[in-house]
Protein backbone atom coordinates (compact mmCIF):
# COMPACT_ATOMS: atom_id res chain seq x y z
CA MET A 1 132.66 112.92 71.01
CA ASN A 2 134.37 109.50 71.14
CA LEU A 3 132.99 106.28 69.70
CA ASP A 4 132.62 104.59 73.07
CA THR A 5 130.24 107.31 74.26
CA LEU A 6 128.19 107.04 71.08
CA ARG A 7 128.08 103.26 71.45
CA VAL A 8 126.73 103.58 75.00
CA PHE A 9 123.99 105.89 73.74
CA CYS A 10 122.97 103.47 70.99
CA ASP A 11 122.94 100.46 73.30
CA VAL A 12 120.84 102.25 75.93
CA VAL A 13 118.34 103.29 73.26
CA ARG A 14 118.25 99.90 71.55
CA CYS A 15 117.73 98.07 74.85
CA ARG A 16 115.31 100.75 76.09
CA SER A 17 117.15 100.44 79.38
CA PHE A 18 120.01 102.29 81.06
CA SER A 19 120.87 99.21 83.14
CA ARG A 20 121.04 96.82 80.19
CA GLY A 21 122.84 99.32 77.98
CA SER A 22 125.45 99.99 80.65
CA ALA A 23 125.93 96.27 81.30
CA MET A 24 126.61 95.64 77.62
CA ASN A 25 129.43 98.19 77.81
CA ARG A 26 130.67 97.00 81.21
CA ILE A 27 130.15 100.35 82.90
CA SER A 28 127.89 101.47 85.71
CA GLN A 29 124.36 102.73 85.10
CA SER A 30 125.47 106.11 86.44
CA ALA A 31 128.33 106.24 83.93
CA ALA A 32 125.92 105.47 81.07
CA SER A 33 123.61 108.24 82.20
CA GLN A 34 126.51 110.68 82.42
CA ALA A 35 127.66 109.70 78.91
CA ILE A 36 124.27 110.55 77.45
CA HIS A 37 124.12 113.81 79.41
CA GLN A 38 127.50 114.63 77.90
CA ILE A 39 126.11 114.16 74.38
CA GLU A 40 123.05 116.28 75.18
CA ARG A 41 125.22 119.07 76.60
CA HIS A 42 127.42 118.95 73.51
CA LEU A 43 124.42 119.20 71.19
CA GLU A 44 122.47 121.51 73.51
CA ILE A 45 119.44 119.33 72.76
CA GLN A 46 117.48 116.82 74.84
CA LEU A 47 117.63 113.39 73.21
CA ILE A 48 115.83 111.28 75.83
CA ASP A 49 112.63 112.11 77.71
CA ARG A 50 113.34 110.63 81.12
CA THR A 51 109.97 111.61 82.59
CA LYS A 52 108.35 108.59 80.90
CA ARG A 53 108.70 104.96 82.05
CA PRO A 54 110.19 103.45 80.02
CA PHE A 55 111.95 106.49 78.63
CA LEU A 56 111.15 107.83 75.17
CA LEU A 57 113.35 109.41 72.52
CA THR A 58 112.58 112.97 71.54
CA PRO A 59 112.16 113.65 67.79
CA GLU A 60 115.76 114.90 67.78
CA GLY A 61 116.78 111.76 69.65
CA HIS A 62 115.29 109.53 66.95
CA VAL A 63 117.21 111.34 64.23
CA TYR A 64 120.44 111.28 66.24
CA TYR A 65 120.10 107.58 67.09
CA GLU A 66 119.58 106.50 63.48
CA GLY A 67 122.51 108.59 62.32
CA VAL A 68 124.89 107.43 65.04
CA ARG A 69 123.84 103.79 64.55
CA GLN A 70 124.80 104.02 60.87
CA VAL A 71 128.10 105.71 61.73
CA LEU A 72 129.01 102.97 64.21
CA GLU A 73 128.04 100.19 61.81
CA SER A 74 130.12 101.77 59.05
CA TYR A 75 133.09 102.19 61.38
CA ASP A 76 132.88 98.62 62.68
CA ALA A 77 132.65 97.30 59.11
CA LEU A 78 135.63 99.40 58.05
CA GLU A 79 137.72 98.29 61.03
CA SER A 80 136.86 94.64 60.41
CA GLN A 81 137.67 94.99 56.70
CA VAL A 82 141.09 96.47 57.45
CA ARG A 83 141.87 93.82 60.06
CA SER A 84 140.70 91.03 57.75
CA MET A 85 143.29 92.07 55.19
CA ARG A 86 145.85 90.59 57.59
CA LYS A 87 143.51 87.69 58.41
CA GLU A 88 143.59 88.83 62.03
CA VAL A 89 140.75 87.55 64.20
CA ALA A 90 139.81 90.78 65.91
CA GLY A 91 136.99 93.28 66.15
CA GLN A 92 133.45 92.88 67.33
CA VAL A 93 130.83 90.17 66.72
CA ARG A 94 127.24 91.04 67.62
CA VAL A 95 125.10 88.04 68.57
CA ALA A 96 121.45 87.66 69.55
CA ALA A 97 120.28 84.33 70.99
CA ILE A 98 117.06 82.98 72.38
CA TYR A 99 117.16 82.53 76.15
CA SER A 100 117.14 78.71 76.25
CA VAL A 101 120.10 78.42 73.88
CA GLY A 102 121.97 81.39 75.26
CA LEU A 103 121.77 80.44 78.91
CA HIS A 104 122.93 76.87 78.36
CA ASP A 105 125.38 77.12 75.46
CA MET A 106 126.80 80.59 75.05
CA SER A 107 128.73 80.87 78.29
CA GLN A 108 131.07 78.04 77.33
CA ALA A 109 131.29 79.24 73.73
CA MET A 110 132.17 82.80 74.75
CA GLN A 111 134.90 81.62 77.11
CA ASP A 112 136.44 79.39 74.45
CA PHE A 113 136.23 82.10 71.80
CA MET A 114 137.83 84.83 73.92
CA ARG A 115 140.58 82.47 75.04
CA ARG A 116 141.44 81.61 71.44
CA TYR A 117 141.03 85.12 70.02
CA PRO A 118 141.81 87.71 72.71
CA LYS A 119 141.63 90.61 70.24
CA ALA A 120 138.02 89.82 69.35
CA LYS A 121 134.96 90.85 71.36
CA VAL A 122 131.46 89.38 71.39
CA ARG A 123 128.43 91.49 72.23
CA LEU A 124 125.76 88.99 73.26
CA GLU A 125 122.13 89.66 74.12
CA PHE A 126 119.24 87.31 74.84
CA LEU A 127 115.97 88.05 73.05
CA HIS A 128 112.52 86.65 72.31
CA PRO A 129 112.61 84.60 69.06
CA ASN A 130 110.80 87.23 66.99
CA LYS A 131 113.20 89.87 68.26
CA VAL A 132 116.17 87.76 67.14
CA TYR A 133 114.84 87.74 63.57
CA ASP A 134 114.21 91.50 63.72
CA ALA A 135 117.70 92.20 65.07
CA VAL A 136 119.33 90.21 62.25
CA LEU A 137 117.16 91.71 59.51
CA ASN A 138 117.72 95.24 60.82
CA GLU A 139 121.48 94.61 61.04
CA GLN A 140 121.53 95.27 64.77
CA VAL A 141 123.44 92.00 65.16
CA ASP A 142 125.65 89.93 62.88
CA ILE A 143 124.15 86.53 63.64
CA GLY A 144 121.20 85.11 65.54
CA ILE A 145 120.97 81.75 67.30
CA ILE A 146 117.46 80.37 67.25
CA SER A 147 115.40 77.20 67.53
CA TYR A 148 113.33 76.00 64.56
CA PRO A 149 115.24 78.43 62.31
CA THR A 150 113.19 79.55 59.33
CA ALA A 151 114.72 80.68 56.07
CA MET A 152 112.89 83.75 54.87
CA ARG A 153 113.48 86.54 52.42
CA GLY A 154 116.76 88.22 53.21
CA LEU A 155 117.93 85.52 55.65
CA THR A 156 120.14 82.44 55.43
CA VAL A 157 120.09 79.52 57.89
CA ILE A 158 123.16 77.56 59.04
CA PRO A 159 122.07 74.35 60.84
CA LEU A 160 123.84 73.67 64.13
CA ARG A 161 122.26 70.59 65.70
CA THR A 162 119.02 68.98 66.82
CA GLU A 163 118.03 68.24 70.42
CA ASN A 164 115.89 65.40 71.73
CA MET A 165 112.65 66.45 73.37
CA VAL A 166 111.82 64.64 76.61
CA LEU A 167 108.93 64.39 79.02
CA VAL A 168 109.72 66.51 82.09
CA CYS A 169 107.93 65.92 85.38
CA LYS A 170 108.30 66.33 89.11
CA PRO A 171 109.76 63.42 91.11
CA GLY A 172 106.88 61.33 92.40
CA HIS A 173 104.70 61.85 89.35
CA ARG A 174 103.06 58.65 88.06
CA LEU A 175 105.20 58.78 84.90
CA ALA A 176 108.48 59.52 86.69
CA SER A 177 109.44 55.87 87.26
CA MET A 178 108.97 54.81 83.65
CA LYS A 179 111.96 54.12 81.40
CA ARG A 180 110.12 55.37 78.33
CA VAL A 181 106.76 57.03 77.77
CA THR A 182 104.40 56.62 74.83
CA ILE A 183 102.45 59.59 73.56
CA GLY A 184 99.21 57.89 74.51
CA GLN A 185 100.23 57.85 78.17
CA LEU A 186 100.14 61.65 78.21
CA ARG A 187 96.44 61.76 77.39
CA GLY A 188 94.52 63.93 79.85
CA GLU A 189 97.60 65.08 81.78
CA ASN A 190 97.89 68.66 83.04
CA PHE A 191 100.41 70.20 80.67
CA ILE A 192 102.61 73.30 80.95
CA GLY A 193 102.92 74.67 77.43
CA PHE A 194 104.61 77.41 75.48
CA ASP A 195 102.79 80.52 74.33
CA ARG A 196 100.75 79.89 71.21
CA GLU A 197 102.72 82.24 68.94
CA LEU A 198 105.97 80.31 69.43
CA ILE A 199 107.04 77.76 66.81
CA ILE A 200 107.84 75.13 69.44
CA ARG A 201 104.21 75.33 70.67
CA ARG A 202 102.86 74.89 67.15
CA GLU A 203 105.14 71.88 66.63
CA LEU A 204 103.98 70.25 69.87
CA ASP A 205 100.31 70.94 69.08
CA ARG A 206 100.76 69.34 65.66
CA PHE A 207 102.47 66.38 67.28
CA PHE A 208 99.53 65.85 69.67
CA ARG A 209 96.98 66.20 66.84
CA GLU A 210 98.77 63.69 64.62
CA ASN A 211 98.72 61.18 67.47
CA GLN A 212 95.12 62.03 68.47
CA VAL A 213 96.13 62.86 72.02
CA ASN A 214 94.61 65.66 74.07
CA VAL A 215 96.42 67.15 77.05
CA ASN A 216 95.02 69.66 79.49
CA VAL A 217 97.04 72.85 78.98
CA VAL A 218 96.84 74.56 82.36
CA MET A 219 99.57 77.19 81.91
CA GLU A 220 101.37 78.85 79.01
CA PHE A 221 104.70 80.67 79.12
CA ASP A 222 107.10 82.22 76.62
CA ASN A 223 110.28 80.73 78.05
CA ILE A 224 111.65 77.40 79.23
CA GLU A 225 112.87 78.64 82.61
CA THR A 226 109.36 79.54 83.78
CA ILE A 227 107.95 76.28 82.43
CA LYS A 228 110.51 74.34 84.46
CA GLN A 229 109.55 76.25 87.60
CA ALA A 230 105.87 75.41 87.05
CA VAL A 231 106.71 71.73 86.63
CA GLU A 232 108.86 71.79 89.76
CA ILE A 233 105.95 72.96 91.92
CA GLY A 234 103.73 70.19 90.55
CA SER A 235 101.47 72.23 88.26
CA GLY A 236 101.80 69.71 85.45
CA ILE A 237 104.18 68.00 83.05
CA SER A 238 105.86 69.37 79.94
CA ILE A 239 107.93 68.37 76.93
CA LEU A 240 111.22 70.23 76.71
CA PRO A 241 114.62 69.95 74.97
CA GLU A 242 116.76 67.60 77.03
CA PRO A 243 119.85 69.88 77.27
CA THR A 244 117.78 72.62 78.91
CA VAL A 245 116.85 70.48 81.93
CA ARG A 246 120.21 68.83 82.71
CA LYS A 247 120.93 71.09 85.67
CA GLU A 248 117.57 70.35 87.30
CA ILE A 249 117.95 66.63 86.65
CA ARG A 250 121.36 66.58 88.32
CA SER A 251 119.98 68.41 91.35
CA GLY A 252 116.96 66.09 91.57
CA ALA A 253 114.44 68.91 91.12
CA LEU A 254 113.06 67.38 87.91
CA LEU A 255 113.02 64.07 86.10
CA ALA A 256 113.27 63.55 82.35
CA VAL A 257 111.71 60.50 80.70
CA PRO A 258 112.50 59.64 77.05
CA LEU A 259 109.61 59.55 74.61
CA SER A 260 109.14 56.35 72.62
CA ILE A 261 109.43 58.14 69.29
CA ARG A 262 112.34 59.51 67.27
CA LYS A 263 110.93 62.43 65.33
CA LEU A 264 110.22 64.87 68.17
CA ARG A 265 113.34 67.01 68.17
CA ARG A 266 114.20 70.71 68.37
CA PRO A 267 116.49 72.03 65.63
CA ILE A 268 118.95 74.80 66.48
CA GLY A 269 120.52 77.03 63.87
CA ILE A 270 122.27 80.29 63.08
CA ILE A 271 120.57 82.96 60.98
CA HIS A 272 122.28 85.83 59.18
CA ARG A 273 121.47 88.28 56.43
CA GLN A 274 121.91 86.99 52.91
CA ARG A 275 125.13 88.04 51.20
CA LYS A 276 126.56 89.20 54.50
CA MET A 277 130.35 89.45 54.41
CA PHE A 278 131.78 87.53 57.35
CA THR A 279 134.78 89.05 59.07
CA PRO A 280 137.36 86.55 60.35
CA ALA A 281 135.92 86.98 63.86
CA ILE A 282 132.37 86.15 62.75
CA ALA A 283 133.57 83.19 60.71
CA ARG A 284 135.61 81.77 63.61
CA LEU A 285 132.72 82.14 66.06
CA ILE A 286 130.39 80.27 63.70
CA GLU A 287 133.01 77.52 63.29
CA LEU A 288 133.29 77.24 67.07
CA LEU A 289 129.53 77.00 67.55
CA LYS A 290 129.28 74.34 64.85
CA SER A 291 132.04 72.31 66.49
CA MET A 292 130.38 72.22 69.92
CA LYS A 293 129.53 68.50 69.93
CA THR A 294 130.51 67.98 73.54
CA GLU A 295 128.50 66.25 76.22
CA GLU A 296 126.92 69.58 77.18
CA GLY A 297 125.93 70.41 73.64
CA GLN A 298 124.99 67.16 71.89
CA THR A 299 122.17 64.83 72.79
CA GLU A 300 122.03 61.13 72.14
CA GLU A 301 119.53 59.35 69.99
CA PRO A 302 116.60 57.93 71.92
């Protein structure tokens, strides 16, 4: 049984999806399914119960997954250690990022990284913020890229940057023509907010309380893309990180108005396990992400 086949199995199980697991390995969904059938035929044991949606691991599948995951992690660490003895930037870097950072930043970063270090490979997945923390703590990924990064037991935070938060509205809204908006001018507006368990929602709620301003939260979502869509159809206004709405501003679908305050910003950072040994590939990727101060990655002071 080769390592690539075992890696496909682990990715399918970890993602709970044949399509996502196959995409991570750049093979077809049919090829991923055949790879897992091959393992089951070799073991003469069913590992995945495909009659359930989503599929479930059998008891034997759970044991096999945990064992193979440890084998792959040990092999990857060994390979990276050997390569690092020559200071060669090669091997695999596993990254988990929240959607809003990943969709807007990681494409450029991945292209730059692979161009500079063709022997290195990045395995990138987009996750809910809580899942990013879990993936880092459980050593499913090497680093996580998150907003409002929180240092907790077992984790270290590397600050990347902060992003200005701006009022986002549909063209034609009463606030759209203003050069700058005060917090008081948002009072009573229909507001598209984040889900209550997200840190960014708690920060915005605290901001409104401190300024004694009430908005009418009409919708709540767990991601920026859906919030932007709700604003586009005129359901309300929102406050979002400025880099995440640049595409819509350029197309004219949305307008962004600066807020007349300086302290409302979204911090972005990298999290990793404490005392984690960085391979040259991990270290170079972190250096690249920290150096991304370009027009697409750095906001101006209001």
